[in-house]
């Protein structure tokens, strides 16, 4: 059962991904977050009430997402066990962003490689928060690599981690924990900002997502270091540079890839006309090229498959015992 769900979910993400316009749990989560946050900002006018509303909002969305997923899977299993496997696999696959991450990177890379700099800037603006209008080709490549390597953890490896944990807890199952994590990530991306109007409303979602991602992020760094066959060097660079990043997770994720690839990320980014200096991560042994991005995507695929294989192997050991 566990192996079937994991394998089918991975295949669905690999073959289909997240087709544009198709129903998706994240869209439902986003709608609920949007409606609840509007209500909270309308009726909660001081920092304390907004913080309390933020806790309530976050717990409702995360627990609600997991609970709805559990009810859907259990209902499908009640109809037929095979239907339960299929439905749970679809829900789990919706939490993985491996294919969509690669597609987004390629969508920006293609015009850039063809010399269509303005088109590459416009496409990139759909995926990053920084200003893209004046980015050079080198800065676009850095932006793509930073986005790919940051989202490798919270978009791919962390959902897989919580899928595996949930799969080994019979009363929960694979989908609910994965959906709860996806809800946490969506909350952070929508309201987890220090700027107004979400300074107080989003603080809980931001802190919770940091904690939720901490362990799978470190496990991802360890996995990448082992895949590089230079674990000591990768860990040394991460210990040196990743701690400089204000985020407890994205800096580690990006730095691990930078160390493996021998490139340097970070530097000055512009957000709404305001410069923000990001810490430098890794050593600039090589320049960032399209090949660097393809290698980063490939590393994520290898890490994903390694975790998947270990989970399936452990499941067979449990069944054997």
C-alpha atoms as a PDB file:
ATOM      1  CA  UNK A   1       0.000   0.000   0.000  1.00  0.00           C
ATOM      2  CA  UNK A   2       2.714   2.490   1.015  1.00  0.00           C
ATOM      3  CA  UNK A   3       4.950   1.560  -1.908  1.00  0.00           C
ATOM      4  CA  UNK A   4       2.081   1.738  -4.392  1.00  0.00           C
ATOM      5  CA  UNK A   5       1.096   5.237  -3.271  1.00  0.00           C
ATOM      6  CA  UNK A   6       4.684   6.548  -3.291  1.00  0.00           C
ATOM      7  CA  UNK A   7       5.540   5.080  -6.687  1.00  0.00           C
ATOM      8  CA  UNK A   8       2.289   6.146  -8.353  1.00  0.00           C
ATOM      9  CA  UNK A   9       2.529   9.670  -6.899  1.00  0.00           C
ATOM     10  CA  UNK A  10       6.117  10.030  -8.118  1.00  0.00           C
ATOM     11  CA  UNK A  11       5.125   8.791 -11.593  1.00  0.00           C
ATOM     12  CA  UNK A  12       2.180  11.192 -11.774  1.00  0.00           C
ATOM     13  CA  UNK A  13       4.393  14.143 -10.878  1.00  0.00           C
ATOM     14  CA  UNK A  14       7.049  13.024 -13.380  1.00  0.00           C
ATOM     15  CA  UNK A  15       4.601  12.465 -16.246  1.00  0.00           C
ATOM     16  CA  UNK A  16       1.986  15.157 -15.624  1.00  0.00           C
ATOM     17  CA  UNK A  17       3.191  17.601 -12.973  1.00  0.00           C
ATOM     18  CA  UNK A  18       0.746  20.443 -12.337  1.00  0.00           C
ATOM     19  CA  UNK A  19      -0.993  21.201 -15.655  1.00  0.00           C
ATOM     20  CA  UNK A  20      -2.116  24.823 -15.872  1.00  0.00           C
ATOM     21  CA  UNK A  21      -5.836  25.233 -15.225  1.00  0.00           C
ATOM     22  CA  UNK A  22      -6.369  21.843 -13.597  1.00  0.00           C
ATOM     23  CA  UNK A  23      -7.940  21.695 -10.115  1.00  0.00           C
ATOM     24  CA  UNK A  24      -5.235  21.782  -7.454  1.00  0.00           C
ATOM     25  CA  UNK A  25      -5.324  21.677  -3.628  1.00  0.00           C
ATOM     26  CA  UNK A  26      -3.028  24.709  -3.391  1.00  0.00           C
ATOM     27  CA  UNK A  27      -5.583  26.842  -5.239  1.00  0.00           C
ATOM     28  CA  UNK A  28      -8.219  25.859  -2.688  1.00  0.00           C
ATOM     29  CA  UNK A  29      -5.791  26.583   0.153  1.00  0.00           C
ATOM     30  CA  UNK A  30      -4.938  29.937  -1.398  1.00  0.00           C
ATOM     31  CA  UNK A  31      -8.600  30.900  -1.672  1.00  0.00           C
ATOM     32  CA  UNK A  32      -9.269  30.022   1.976  1.00  0.00           C
ATOM     33  CA  UNK A  33      -6.162  31.891   3.151  1.00  0.00           C
ATOM     34  CA  UNK A  34      -7.148  34.939   1.113  1.00  0.00           C
ATOM     35  CA  UNK A  35     -10.679  35.037   2.522  1.00  0.00           C
ATOM     36  CA  UNK A  36      -9.645  34.454   6.132  1.00  0.00           C
ATOM     37  CA  UNK A  37      -6.815  36.975   5.997  1.00  0.00           C
ATOM     38  CA  UNK A  38      -9.186  39.644   4.634  1.00  0.00           C
ATOM     39  CA  UNK A  39     -11.574  39.001   7.503  1.00  0.00           C
ATOM     40  CA  UNK A  40      -8.769  39.055  10.062  1.00  0.00           C
ATOM     41  CA  UNK A  41      -7.348  42.347   8.769  1.00  0.00           C
ATOM     42  CA  UNK A  42     -10.828  43.869   8.691  1.00  0.00           C
ATOM     43  CA  UNK A  43     -11.826  42.995  12.259  1.00  0.00           C
ATOM     44  CA  UNK A  44      -8.447  42.799  14.043  1.00  0.00           C
ATOM     45  CA  UNK A  45      -6.984  46.293  14.310  1.00  0.00           C
ATOM     46  CA  UNK A  46      -4.099  45.911  16.790  1.00  0.00           C
ATOM     47  CA  UNK A  47      -0.919  43.786  16.874  1.00  0.00           C
ATOM     48  CA  UNK A  48      -2.106  41.385  19.592  1.00  0.00           C
ATOM     49  CA  UNK A  49      -5.429  40.579  17.955  1.00  0.00           C
ATOM     50  CA  UNK A  50      -3.717  40.133  14.591  1.00  0.00           C
ATOM     51  CA  UNK A  51      -1.158  37.740  16.098  1.00  0.00           C
ATOM     52  CA  UNK A  52      -3.944  35.687  17.679  1.00  0.00           C
ATOM     53  CA  UNK A  53      -5.882  35.742  14.417  1.00  0.00           C
ATOM     54  CA  UNK A  54      -2.717  34.597  12.629  1.00  0.00           C
ATOM     55  CA  UNK A  55      -2.418  31.576  14.926  1.00  0.00           C
ATOM     56  CA  UNK A  56      -6.075  30.709  14.412  1.00  0.00           C
ATOM     57  CA  UNK A  57      -5.834  31.183  10.646  1.00  0.00           C
ATOM     58  CA  UNK A  58      -2.689  29.078  10.353  1.00  0.00           C
ATOM     59  CA  UNK A  59      -3.994  26.187  12.436  1.00  0.00           C
ATOM     60  CA  UNK A  60      -7.355  26.175  10.650  1.00  0.00           C
ATOM     61  CA  UNK A  61      -5.732  25.999   7.209  1.00  0.00           C
ATOM     62  CA  UNK A  62      -3.070  23.419   8.098  1.00  0.00           C
ATOM     63  CA  UNK A  63      -5.236  21.094  10.173  1.00  0.00           C
ATOM     64  CA  UNK A  64      -8.167  21.603   7.811  1.00  0.00           C
ATOM     65  CA  UNK A  65      -6.077  20.711   4.758  1.00  0.00           C
ATOM     66  CA  UNK A  66      -4.810  17.520   6.370  1.00  0.00           C
ATOM     67  CA  UNK A  67      -8.259  16.576   7.662  1.00  0.00           C
ATOM     68  CA  UNK A  68      -9.995  17.148   4.327  1.00  0.00           C
ATOM     69  CA  UNK A  69      -7.309  15.046   2.627  1.00  0.00           C
ATOM     70  CA  UNK A  70      -7.806  12.260   5.191  1.00  0.00           C
ATOM     71  CA  UNK A  71     -11.595  12.292   4.700  1.00  0.00           C
ATOM     72  CA  UNK A  72     -11.251  12.162   0.907  1.00  0.00           C
ATOM     73  CA  UNK A  73      -8.821   9.222   1.050  1.00  0.00           C
ATOM     74  CA  UNK A  74     -10.865   7.286   3.607  1.00  0.00           C
ATOM     75  CA  UNK A  75     -14.035   7.813   1.570  1.00  0.00           C
ATOM     76  CA  UNK A  76     -12.283   6.506  -1.540  1.00  0.00           C
ATOM     77  CA  UNK A  77     -10.985   3.476   0.363  1.00  0.00           C
ATOM     78  CA  UNK A  78     -14.509   2.772   1.599  1.00  0.00           C
ATOM     79  CA  UNK A  79     -15.686   2.578  -2.015  1.00  0.00           C
ATOM     80  CA  UNK A  80     -12.760   0.367  -3.065  1.00  0.00           C
ATOM     81  CA  UNK A  81      -9.165  -0.111  -1.789  1.00  0.00           C
ATOM     82  CA  UNK A  82      -7.731   0.440  -5.277  1.00  0.00           C
ATOM     83  CA  UNK A  83      -9.632   3.721  -5.600  1.00  0.00           C
ATOM     84  CA  UNK A  84      -8.136   4.745  -2.265  1.00  0.00           C
ATOM     85  CA  UNK A  85      -4.627   4.154  -3.612  1.00  0.00           C
ATOM     86  CA  UNK A  86      -5.338   6.168  -6.755  1.00  0.00           C
ATOM     87  CA  UNK A  87      -6.932   9.098  -4.912  1.00  0.00           C
ATOM     88  CA  UNK A  88      -4.201   9.246  -2.275  1.00  0.00           C
ATOM     89  CA  UNK A  89      -1.528   9.087  -4.974  1.00  0.00           C
ATOM     90  CA  UNK A  90      -3.128  12.012  -6.830  1.00  0.00           C
ATOM     91  CA  UNK A  91      -3.263  14.101  -3.657  1.00  0.00           C
ATOM     92  CA  UNK A  92       0.351  13.285  -2.793  1.00  0.00           C
ATOM     93  CA  UNK A  93       1.511  14.023  -6.345  1.00  0.00           C
ATOM     94  CA  UNK A  94      -0.121  17.452  -6.107  1.00  0.00           C
ATOM     95  CA  UNK A  95       2.231  18.230  -3.211  1.00  0.00           C
ATOM     96  CA  UNK A  96       5.367  17.513  -5.267  1.00  0.00           C
ATOM     97  CA  UNK A  97       6.772  20.266  -7.482  1.00  0.00           C
ATOM     98  CA  UNK A  98       9.642  18.431  -9.136  1.00  0.00           C
ATOM     99  CA  UNK A  99       8.322  18.605 -12.685  1.00  0.00           C
ATOM    100  CA  UNK A 100       6.825  22.081 -12.384  1.00  0.00           C
ATOM    101  CA  UNK A 101      10.114  23.375 -10.943  1.00  0.00           C
ATOM    102  CA  UNK A 102      12.001  22.048 -13.955  1.00  0.00           C
ATOM    103  CA  UNK A 103       9.400  23.379 -16.374  1.00  0.00           C
ATOM    104  CA  UNK A 104       9.579  26.854 -14.833  1.00  0.00           C
ATOM    105  CA  UNK A 105      13.380  26.908 -15.086  1.00  0.00           C
ATOM    106  CA  UNK A 106      13.327  25.775 -18.714  1.00  0.00           C
ATOM    107  CA  UNK A 107      10.641  28.332 -19.557  1.00  0.00           C
ATOM    108  CA  UNK A 108      13.032  31.111 -18.541  1.00  0.00           C
ATOM    109  CA  UNK A 109      16.160  29.462 -19.921  1.00  0.00           C
ATOM    110  CA  UNK A 110      14.896  28.928 -23.467  1.00  0.00           C
ATOM    111  CA  UNK A 111      14.491  32.601 -24.432  1.00  0.00           C
ATOM    112  CA  UNK A 112      17.680  33.457 -22.550  1.00  0.00           C
ATOM    113  CA  UNK A 113      19.675  30.883 -24.531  1.00  0.00           C
ATOM    114  CA  UNK A 114      18.104  32.234 -27.733  1.00  0.00           C
ATOM    115  CA  UNK A 115      19.285  35.730 -26.890  1.00  0.00           C
ATOM    116  CA  UNK A 116      15.784  37.026 -26.087  1.00  0.00           C
ATOM    117  CA  UNK A 117      16.791  38.845 -22.911  1.00  0.00           C
ATOM    118  CA  UNK A 118      13.627  40.906 -22.514  1.00  0.00           C
ATOM    119  CA  UNK A 119      11.392  37.849 -22.866  1.00  0.00           C
ATOM    120  CA  UNK A 120      13.487  35.974 -20.299  1.00  0.00           C
ATOM    121  CA  UNK A 121      13.096  38.893 -17.861  1.00  0.00           C
ATOM    122  CA  UNK A 122       9.325  38.939 -18.332  1.00  0.00           C
ATOM    123  CA  UNK A 123       8.962  35.180 -17.847  1.00  0.00           C
ATOM    124  CA  UNK A 124      11.245  35.245 -14.801  1.00  0.00           C
ATOM    125  CA  UNK A 125       9.018  37.896 -13.186  1.00  0.00           C
ATOM    126  CA  UNK A 126       6.263  35.257 -12.972  1.00  0.00           C
ATOM    127  CA  UNK A 127       8.378  33.145 -10.639  1.00  0.00           C
ATOM    128  CA  UNK A 128      10.456  35.494  -8.467  1.00  0.00           C
ATOM    129  CA  UNK A 129       9.712  38.437  -6.203  1.00  0.00           C
ATOM    130  CA  UNK A 130      12.747  40.503  -7.187  1.00  0.00           C
ATOM    131  CA  UNK A 131      12.705  43.221  -9.847  1.00  0.00           C
ATOM    132  CA  UNK A 132      13.630  41.691 -13.205  1.00  0.00           C
ATOM    133  CA  UNK A 133      13.331  44.603 -15.662  1.00  0.00           C
ATOM    134  CA  UNK A 134      17.050  45.443 -15.683  1.00  0.00           C
ATOM    135  CA  UNK A 135      18.646  42.077 -14.974  1.00  0.00           C
ATOM    136  CA  UNK A 136      21.617  41.011 -17.081  1.00  0.00           C
ATOM    137  CA  UNK A 137      21.905  37.481 -18.482  1.00  0.00           C
ATOM    138  CA  UNK A 138      24.224  36.500 -15.623  1.00  0.00           C
ATOM    139  CA  UNK A 139      21.790  37.881 -13.041  1.00  0.00           C
ATOM    140  CA  UNK A 140      18.902  35.994 -14.644  1.00  0.00           C
ATOM    141  CA  UNK A 141      20.883  32.766 -14.453  1.00  0.00           C
ATOM    142  CA  UNK A 142      21.622  33.418 -10.779  1.00  0.00           C
ATOM    143  CA  UNK A 143      17.945  34.161 -10.125  1.00  0.00           C
ATOM    144  CA  UNK A 144      16.883  30.903 -11.798  1.00  0.00           C
ATOM    145  CA  UNK A 145      19.450  28.860  -9.867  1.00  0.00           C
ATOM    146  CA  UNK A 146      18.529  30.482  -6.549  1.00  0.00           C
ATOM    147  CA  UNK A 147      14.844  29.807  -7.176  1.00  0.00           C
ATOM    148  CA  UNK A 148      15.456  26.205  -8.227  1.00  0.00           C
ATOM    149  CA  UNK A 149      17.685  25.436  -5.250  1.00  0.00           C
ATOM    150  CA  UNK A 150      15.532  27.186  -2.650  1.00  0.00           C
ATOM    151  CA  UNK A 151      12.350  25.489  -3.853  1.00  0.00           C
ATOM    152  CA  UNK A 152      14.056  22.111  -4.080  1.00  0.00           C
ATOM    153  CA  UNK A 153      13.622  21.831  -0.326  1.00  0.00           C
ATOM    154  CA  UNK A 154      10.188  23.299   0.352  1.00  0.00           C
ATOM    155  CA  UNK A 155       8.682  22.281  -2.986  1.00  0.00           C
ATOM    156  CA  UNK A 156      10.107  18.785  -3.411  1.00  0.00           C
ATOM    157  CA  UNK A 157      12.076  17.246  -0.568  1.00  0.00           C
ATOM    158  CA  UNK A 158      10.075  18.490   2.429  1.00  0.00           C
ATOM    159  CA  UNK A 159       6.708  17.353   0.975  1.00  0.00           C
ATOM    160  CA  UNK A 160       8.279  13.968   0.233  1.00  0.00           C
ATOM    161  CA  UNK A 161       9.641  13.800   3.788  1.00  0.00           C
ATOM    162  CA  UNK A 162       6.217  14.375   5.344  1.00  0.00           C
ATOM    163  CA  UNK A 163       4.593  12.032   2.829  1.00  0.00           C
ATOM    164  CA  UNK A 164       6.933   9.266   3.972  1.00  0.00           C
ATOM    165  CA  UNK A 165       6.417  10.026   7.670  1.00  0.00           C
ATOM    166  CA  UNK A 166       2.644   9.993   7.250  1.00  0.00           C
ATOM    167  CA  UNK A 167       2.735   6.823   5.170  1.00  0.00           C
ATOM    168  CA  UNK A 168       4.307   4.922   8.056  1.00  0.00           C
ATOM    169  CA  UNK A 169       1.600   6.060  10.481  1.00  0.00           C
ATOM    170  CA  UNK A 170      -1.430   3.914   9.553  1.00  0.00           C
ATOM    171  CA  UNK A 171      -4.058   6.157  11.165  1.00  0.00           C
ATOM    172  CA  UNK A 172      -2.785   9.187   9.211  1.00  0.00           C
ATOM    173  CA  UNK A 173      -1.550   8.025   5.816  1.00  0.00           C
ATOM    174  CA  UNK A 174       0.645   9.668   3.199  1.00  0.00           C
ATOM    175  CA  UNK A 175      -1.620  12.470   1.969  1.00  0.00           C
ATOM    176  CA  UNK A 176      -2.712  14.334   5.149  1.00  0.00           C
ATOM    177  CA  UNK A 177       0.760  15.257   6.412  1.00  0.00           C
ATOM    178  CA  UNK A 178       1.910  16.203   2.910  1.00  0.00           C
ATOM    179  CA  UNK A 179      -1.143  18.437   2.486  1.00  0.00           C
ATOM    180  CA  UNK A 180      -0.620  19.987   5.917  1.00  0.00           C
ATOM    181  CA  UNK A 181       2.960  20.843   4.974  1.00  0.00           C
ATOM    182  CA  UNK A 182       1.825  22.236   1.625  1.00  0.00           C
ATOM    183  CA  UNK A 183      -0.705  24.386   3.486  1.00  0.00           C
ATOM    184  CA  UNK A 184       2.068  25.675   5.757  1.00  0.00           C
ATOM    185  CA  UNK A 185       4.219  26.545   2.742  1.00  0.00           C
ATOM    186  CA  UNK A 186       1.300  28.286   1.031  1.00  0.00           C
ATOM    187  CA  UNK A 187       0.541  30.290   4.172  1.00  0.00           C
ATOM    188  CA  UNK A 188       4.153  31.431   4.368  1.00  0.00           C
ATOM    189  CA  UNK A 189       4.247  32.471   0.708  1.00  0.00           C
ATOM    190  CA  UNK A 190       0.979  34.420   0.982  1.00  0.00           C
ATOM    191  CA  UNK A 191       1.095  36.116   4.385  1.00  0.00           C
ATOM    192  CA  UNK A 192       4.465  35.265   5.961  1.00  0.00           C
ATOM    193  CA  UNK A 193       5.933  38.738   5.448  1.00  0.00           C
ATOM    194  CA  UNK A 194       7.452  41.254   7.848  1.00  0.00           C
ATOM    195  CA  UNK A 195       5.961  44.115   5.826  1.00  0.00           C
ATOM    196  CA  UNK A 196       2.479  45.530   6.339  1.00  0.00           C
ATOM    197  CA  UNK A 197      -0.291  44.472   6.320  1.00  0.00           C
ATOM    198  CA  UNK A 198       0.957  40.987   7.280  1.00  0.00           C
ATOM    199  CA  UNK A 199       3.584  41.934   9.893  1.00  0.00           C
ATOM    200  CA  UNK A 200       1.567  40.519  12.796  1.00  0.00           C
ATOM    201  CA  UNK A 201      -0.995  38.373  11.004  1.00  0.00           C
ATOM    202  CA  UNK A 202       1.648  36.302   9.217  1.00  0.00           C
ATOM    203  CA  UNK A 203       4.263  35.916  11.952  1.00  0.00           C
ATOM    204  CA  UNK A 204       2.923  32.528  13.128  1.00  0.00           C
ATOM    205  CA  UNK A 205       2.755  31.089   9.608  1.00  0.00           C
ATOM    206  CA  UNK A 206       6.312  32.238   8.846  1.00  0.00           C
ATOM    207  CA  UNK A 207       7.766  30.815  12.066  1.00  0.00           C
ATOM    208  CA  UNK A 208       5.802  27.577  11.793  1.00  0.00           C
ATOM    209  CA  UNK A 209       6.950  26.991   8.208  1.00  0.00           C
ATOM    210  CA  UNK A 210      10.557  27.572   9.290  1.00  0.00           C
ATOM    211  CA  UNK A 211      10.204  24.893  11.964  1.00  0.00           C
ATOM    212  CA  UNK A 212       8.281  22.528   9.695  1.00  0.00           C
ATOM    213  CA  UNK A 213      11.042  22.721   7.052  1.00  0.00           C
ATOM    214  CA  UNK A 214      14.083  22.665   9.361  1.00  0.00           C
ATOM    215  CA  UNK A 215      14.621  18.889   9.567  1.00  0.00           C
ATOM    216  CA  UNK A 216      13.926  17.961   5.915  1.00  0.00           C
ATOM    217  CA  UNK A 217      16.177  20.860   4.872  1.00  0.00           C
ATOM    218  CA  UNK A 218      19.122  19.516   6.882  1.00  0.00           C
ATOM    219  CA  UNK A 219      18.477  16.008   5.609  1.00  0.00           C
ATOM    220  CA  UNK A 220      18.457  17.397   2.059  1.00  0.00           C
ATOM    221  CA  UNK A 221      21.816  19.080   2.654  1.00  0.00           C
ATOM    222  CA  UNK A 222      23.249  15.802   3.957  1.00  0.00           C
ATOM    223  CA  UNK A 223      21.825  13.920   0.967  1.00  0.00           C
ATOM    224  CA  UNK A 224      23.289  16.384  -1.524  1.00  0.00           C
ATOM    225  CA  UNK A 225      26.661  16.276   0.198  1.00  0.00           C
ATOM    226  CA  UNK A 226      26.703  12.483  -0.051  1.00  0.00           C
ATOM    227  CA  UNK A 227      25.654  12.563  -3.706  1.00  0.00           C
ATOM    228  CA  UNK A 228      28.494  14.991  -4.434  1.00  0.00           C
ATOM    229  CA  UNK A 229      31.009  12.495  -2.973  1.00  0.00           C
ATOM    230  CA  UNK A 230      32.494  15.510  -1.133  1.00  0.00           C
ATOM    231  CA  UNK A 231      30.415  15.555   2.059  1.00  0.00           C
ATOM    232  CA  UNK A 232      33.012  17.188   4.296  1.00  0.00           C
ATOM    233  CA  UNK A 233      33.652  20.036   1.848  1.00  0.00           C
ATOM    234  CA  UNK A 234      29.933  20.681   1.250  1.00  0.00           C
ATOM    235  CA  UNK A 235      29.164  20.703   4.960  1.00  0.00           C
ATOM    236  CA  UNK A 236      32.144  22.995   5.653  1.00  0.00           C
ATOM    237  CA  UNK A 237      30.936  25.558   3.117  1.00  0.00           C
ATOM    238  CA  UNK A 238      27.380  25.379   4.446  1.00  0.00           C
ATOM    239  CA  UNK A 239      28.573  25.881   8.017  1.00  0.00           C
ATOM    240  CA  UNK A 240      30.614  28.865   6.824  1.00  0.00           C
ATOM    241  CA  UNK A 241      28.058  30.613   4.576  1.00  0.00           C
ATOM    242  CA  UNK A 242      24.521  29.317   5.156  1.00  0.00           C
ATOM    243  CA  UNK A 243      24.370  30.675   8.700  1.00  0.00           C
ATOM    244  CA  UNK A 244      24.753  34.208   7.301  1.00  0.00           C
ATOM    245  CA  UNK A 245      21.360  33.999   5.625  1.00  0.00           C
ATOM    246  CA  UNK A 246      18.481  35.320   7.761  1.00  0.00           C
ATOM    247  CA  UNK A 247      16.315  32.384   6.707  1.00  0.00           C
ATOM    248  CA  UNK A 248      17.031  29.214   8.726  1.00  0.00           C
ATOM    249  CA  UNK A 249      16.364  27.034   5.675  1.00  0.00           C
ATOM    250  CA  UNK A 250      16.671  28.716   2.267  1.00  0.00           C
ATOM    251  CA  UNK A 251      20.285  29.694   2.892  1.00  0.00           C
ATOM    252  CA  UNK A 252      21.194  26.096   3.717  1.00  0.00           C
ATOM    253  CA  UNK A 253      19.359  24.740   0.698  1.00  0.00           C
ATOM    254  CA  UNK A 254      20.924  27.199  -1.749  1.00  0.00           C
ATOM    255  CA  UNK A 255      24.372  26.888  -0.190  1.00  0.00           C
ATOM    256  CA  UNK A 256      24.390  23.097  -0.454  1.00  0.00           C
ATOM    257  CA  UNK A 257      23.779  23.289  -4.190  1.00  0.00           C
ATOM    258  CA  UNK A 258      26.329  26.088  -4.568  1.00  0.00           C
ATOM    259  CA  UNK A 259      28.950  23.977  -2.798  1.00  0.00           C
ATOM    260  CA  UNK A 260      28.217  20.890  -4.908  1.00  0.00           C
ATOM    261  CA  UNK A 261      28.211  22.839  -8.187  1.00  0.00           C
ATOM    262  CA  UNK A 262      31.202  25.022  -7.345  1.00  0.00           C
ATOM    263  CA  UNK A 263      29.313  28.283  -7.957  1.00  0.00           C
ATOM    264  CA  UNK A 264      28.408  31.290  -5.863  1.00  0.00           C
ATOM    265  CA  UNK A 265      24.904  32.600  -5.200  1.00  0.00           C
ATOM    266  CA  UNK A 266      23.717  35.676  -3.380  1.00  0.00           C
ATOM    267  CA  UNK A 267      24.540  39.341  -3.842  1.00  0.00           C
ATOM    268  CA  UNK A 268      22.402  42.405  -4.425  1.00  0.00           C
ATOM    269  CA  UNK A 269      18.767  41.929  -5.431  1.00  0.00           C
ATOM    270  CA  UNK A 270      16.234  44.699  -6.014  1.00  0.00           C
ATOM    271  CA  UNK A 271      12.697  44.520  -4.634  1.00  0.00           C
ATOM    272  CA  UNK A 272      10.276  47.294  -5.678  1.00  0.00           C
ATOM    273  CA  UNK A 273      13.226  49.562  -6.295  1.00  0.00           C
ATOM    274  CA  UNK A 274      14.891  48.833  -2.949  1.00  0.00           C
ATOM    275  CA  UNK A 275      18.265  47.082  -2.908  1.00  0.00           C
ATOM    276  CA  UNK A 276      18.681  44.100  -0.612  1.00  0.00           C
ATOM    277  CA  UNK A 277      22.101  42.589  -0.059  1.00  0.00           C
ATOM    278  CA  UNK A 278      21.910  38.801   0.228  1.00  0.00           C
ATOM    279  CA  UNK A 279      24.877  36.919   1.743  1.00  0.00           C
ATOM    280  CA  UNK A 280      27.251  35.229  -0.672  1.00  0.00           C
ATOM    281  CA  UNK A 281      26.875  31.451  -0.634  1.00  0.00           C
ATOM    282  CA  UNK A 282      29.584  29.124  -1.924  1.00  0.00           C
ATOM    283  CA  UNK A 283      32.831  29.720  -3.783  1.00  0.00           C
ATOM    284  CA  UNK A 284      32.833  31.171  -7.301  1.00  0.00           C
ATOM    285  CA  UNK A 285      34.951  28.397  -8.812  1.00  0.00           C
ATOM    286  CA  UNK A 286      32.765  28.329 -11.914  1.00  0.00           C
ATOM    287  CA  UNK A 287      30.360  30.836 -13.439  1.00  0.00           C
ATOM    288  CA  UNK A 288      26.650  30.019 -13.298  1.00  0.00           C
ATOM    289  CA  UNK A 289      25.566  28.671 -16.683  1.00  0.00           C
ATOM    290  CA  UNK A 290      22.441  26.930 -18.005  1.00  0.00           C
ATOM    291  CA  UNK A 291      24.305  23.680 -17.369  1.00  0.00           C
ATOM    292  CA  UNK A 292      24.552  24.610 -13.664  1.00  0.00           C
ATOM    293  CA  UNK A 293      20.764  24.838 -13.526  1.00  0.00           C
ATOM    294  CA  UNK A 294      20.268  21.529 -15.328  1.00  0.00           C
ATOM    295  CA  UNK A 295      22.715  19.890 -12.909  1.00  0.00           C
ATOM    296  CA  UNK A 296      20.850  21.357  -9.918  1.00  0.00           C
ATOM    297  CA  UNK A 297      17.571  19.937 -11.228  1.00  0.00           C
ATOM    298  CA  UNK A 298      19.258  16.596 -11.778  1.00  0.00           C
ATOM    299  CA  UNK A 299      20.647  16.598  -8.233  1.00  0.00           C
ATOM    300  CA  UNK A 300      17.143  17.204  -6.892  1.00  0.00           C
ATOM    301  CA  UNK A 301      15.834  14.283  -8.950  1.00  0.00           C
ATOM    302  CA  UNK A 302      18.577  12.011  -7.578  1.00  0.00           C
ATOM    303  CA  UNK A 303      17.862  13.067  -3.995  1.00  0.00           C
ATOM    304  CA  UNK A 304      14.130  12.574  -4.512  1.00  0.00           C
ATOM    305  CA  UNK A 305      14.626   9.078  -5.960  1.00  0.00           C
ATOM    306  CA  UNK A 306      17.069   8.154  -3.191  1.00  0.00           C
ATOM    307  CA  UNK A 307      14.581   9.064  -0.451  1.00  0.00           C
ATOM    308  CA  UNK A 308      11.821   7.296  -2.363  1.00  0.00           C
ATOM    309  CA  UNK A 309      13.936   4.152  -2.678  1.00  0.00           C
ATOM    310  CA  UNK A 310      14.871   4.177   1.010  1.00  0.00           C
ATOM    311  CA  UNK A 311      11.210   4.563   2.011  1.00  0.00           C
ATOM    312  CA  UNK A 312      10.131   1.646  -0.196  1.00  0.00           C
ATOM    313  CA  UNK A 313      12.997  -0.493   1.108  1.00  0.00           C
ATOM    314  CA  UNK A 314      12.015   0.289   4.708  1.00  0.00           C
ATOM    315  CA  UNK A 315       8.419  -0.605   3.915  1.00  0.00           C
ATOM    316  CA  UNK A 316       9.483  -4.027   2.652  1.00  0.00           C
ATOM    317  CA  UNK A 317      11.564  -4.527   5.811  1.00  0.00           C
ATOM    318  CA  UNK A 318       8.553  -3.668   7.986  1.00  0.00           C
ATOM    319  CA  UNK A 319       6.319  -6.045   6.037  1.00  0.00           C
ATOM    320  CA  UNK A 320       8.966  -8.743   6.249  1.00  0.00           C
ATOM    321  CA  UNK A 321       9.235  -8.360  10.019  1.00  0.00           C
END
